[in-house]
C-alpha atoms as a PDB file:
ATOM      1  CA  MET A   1      75.092  -7.726  66.281  1.00  0.00           C
ATOM      2  CA  THR A   2      73.587  -5.523  64.235  1.00  0.00           C
ATOM      3  CA  GLN A   3      69.254  -5.182  64.615  1.00  0.00           C
ATOM      4  CA  LYS A   4      67.476  -6.402  61.634  1.00  0.00           C
ATOM      5  CA  THR A   5      65.352  -3.871  59.740  1.00  0.00           C
ATOM      6  CA  ILE A   6      62.643  -4.677  57.756  1.00  0.00           C
ATOM      7  CA  GLN A   7      64.460  -3.738  54.697  1.00  0.00           C
ATOM      8  CA  ASP A   8      66.356  -6.877  55.353  1.00  0.00           C
ATOM      9  CA  ASP A   9      63.455  -8.890  55.339  1.00  0.00           C
ATOM     10  CA  PHE A  10      61.793  -7.551  52.111  1.00  0.00           C
ATOM     11  CA  GLN A  11      65.691  -8.204  50.484  1.00  0.00           C
ATOM     12  CA  LYS A  12      65.497 -11.886  51.934  1.00  0.00           C
ATOM     13  CA  LEU A  13      61.930 -12.275  50.731  1.00  0.00           C
ATOM     14  CA  GLU A  14      62.812 -11.034  47.457  1.00  0.00           C
ATOM     15  CA  LYS A  15      65.767 -13.537  46.983  1.00  0.00           C
ATOM     16  CA  ILE A  16      63.133 -16.477  48.222  1.00  0.00           C
ATOM     17  CA  ILE A  17      60.703 -15.349  45.390  1.00  0.00           C
ATOM     18  CA  ASN A  18      63.674 -15.261  42.851  1.00  0.00           C
ATOM     19  CA  LYS A  19      64.760 -18.320  44.049  1.00  0.00           C
ATOM     20  CA  LEU A  20      61.488 -19.929  43.736  1.00  0.00           C
ATOM     21  CA  GLU A  21      60.489 -18.309  39.998  1.00  0.00           C
ATOM     22  CA  GLY A  22      63.601 -18.653  38.409  1.00  0.00           C
ATOM     23  CA  GLN A  23      65.130 -22.165  39.162  1.00  0.00           C
ATOM     24  CA  GLN A  24      63.970 -26.100  39.314  1.00  0.00           C
ATOM     25  CA  VAL A  25      63.342 -26.392  43.062  1.00  0.00           C
ATOM     26  CA  GLY A  26      62.187 -29.372  44.527  1.00  0.00           C
ATOM     27  CA  LEU A  27      59.122 -29.835  46.763  1.00  0.00           C
ATOM     28  CA  GLU A  28      60.707 -29.925  50.014  1.00  0.00           C
ATOM     29  CA  GLU A  29      63.058 -27.245  49.218  1.00  0.00           C
ATOM     30  CA  SER A  30      60.153 -24.978  47.938  1.00  0.00           C
ATOM     31  CA  LEU A  31      58.073 -25.794  51.144  1.00  0.00           C
ATOM     32  CA  THR A  32      61.348 -24.929  53.397  1.00  0.00           C
ATOM     33  CA  LEU A  33      61.311 -21.756  51.205  1.00  0.00           C
ATOM     34  CA  PHE A  34      57.487 -20.761  51.400  1.00  0.00           C
ATOM     35  CA  GLU A  35      57.582 -21.514  55.490  1.00  0.00           C
ATOM     36  CA  GLU A  36      60.809 -19.386  55.582  1.00  0.00           C
ATOM     37  CA  GLY A  37      59.091 -16.614  53.428  1.00  0.00           C
ATOM     38  CA  SER A  38      55.959 -16.614  55.336  1.00  0.00           C
ATOM     39  CA  LYS A  39      57.709 -16.231  58.788  1.00  0.00           C
ATOM     40  CA  ILE A  40      59.257 -13.332  57.448  1.00  0.00           C
ATOM     41  CA  ILE A  41      56.040 -11.873  56.128  1.00  0.00           C
ATOM     42  CA  LYS A  42      55.045 -12.460  59.449  1.00  0.00           C
ATOM     43  CA  ASN A  43      57.899 -10.092  61.178  1.00  0.00           C
ATOM     44  CA  CYS A  44      57.489  -7.479  58.524  1.00  0.00           C
ATOM     45  CA  HIS A  45      53.576  -7.496  59.275  1.00  0.00           C
ATOM     46  CA  GLY A  46      54.529  -7.338  63.042  1.00  0.00           C
ATOM     47  CA  GLN A  47      56.984  -4.458  62.114  1.00  0.00           C
ATOM     48  CA  LEU A  48      54.441  -2.393  60.300  1.00  0.00           C
ATOM     49  CA  LYS A  49      51.976  -2.548  62.686  1.00  0.00           C
ATOM     50  CA  LYS A  50      54.088  -1.666  65.591  1.00  0.00           C
ATOM     51  CA  ALA A  51      54.816   1.767  63.644  1.00  0.00           C
ATOM     52  CA  LYS A  52      51.768   2.351  62.815  1.00  0.00           C
ATOM     53  CA  ASN A  53      50.658   2.308  66.445  1.00  0.00           C
ATOM     54  CA  LYS A  54      53.360   4.552  67.142  1.00  0.00           C
ATOM     55  CA  PHE A  55      52.536   6.889  64.241  1.00  0.00           C
ATOM     56  CA  GLU A  56      48.507   6.956  65.575  1.00  0.00           C
ATOM     57  CA  GLU A  57      50.290   7.794  69.286  1.00  0.00           C
ATOM     58  CA  ILE A  58      52.325  10.615  68.075  1.00  0.00           C
ATOM     59  CA  LYS A  59      49.444  11.947  66.195  1.00  0.00           C
ATOM     60  CA  GLY A  60      46.862  11.744  69.195  1.00  0.00           C
ATOM     61  CA  ASP A  61      49.471  13.199  71.419  1.00  0.00           C
ATOM     62  CA  LEU A  62      49.983  16.043  68.753  1.00  0.00           C
ATOM     63  CA  GLU A  63      46.463  16.557  67.947  1.00  0.00           C
ATOM     64  CA  SER A  64      45.809  16.592  72.169  1.00  0.00           C
ATOM     65  CA  GLU A  65      48.458  19.480  72.360  1.00  0.00           C
ATOM     66  CA  ILE A  66      46.883  21.836  69.833  1.00  0.00           C
ATOM     67  CA  ASN A  67      43.280  21.470  70.735  1.00  0.00           C
ATOM     68  CA  LYS A  68      44.476  22.743  74.258  1.00  0.00           C
ATOM     69  CA  GLU A  69      45.133  26.044  72.981  1.00  0.00           C
END
């Protein structure tokens, strides 16, 4: 099983948006798509937050190492 990437999530989100914008979608399906999109956005936000924290950690380590000299 392959690991899902943020790019995969963006592609799914784009498909949901296109479906909602381009087709006649009923209320129930619209709500389902909106809920799915919200979950994808939440997941992307979590991934980006994790990446930002890792970046800050690496940057802090590098600054500490440079300041020792």
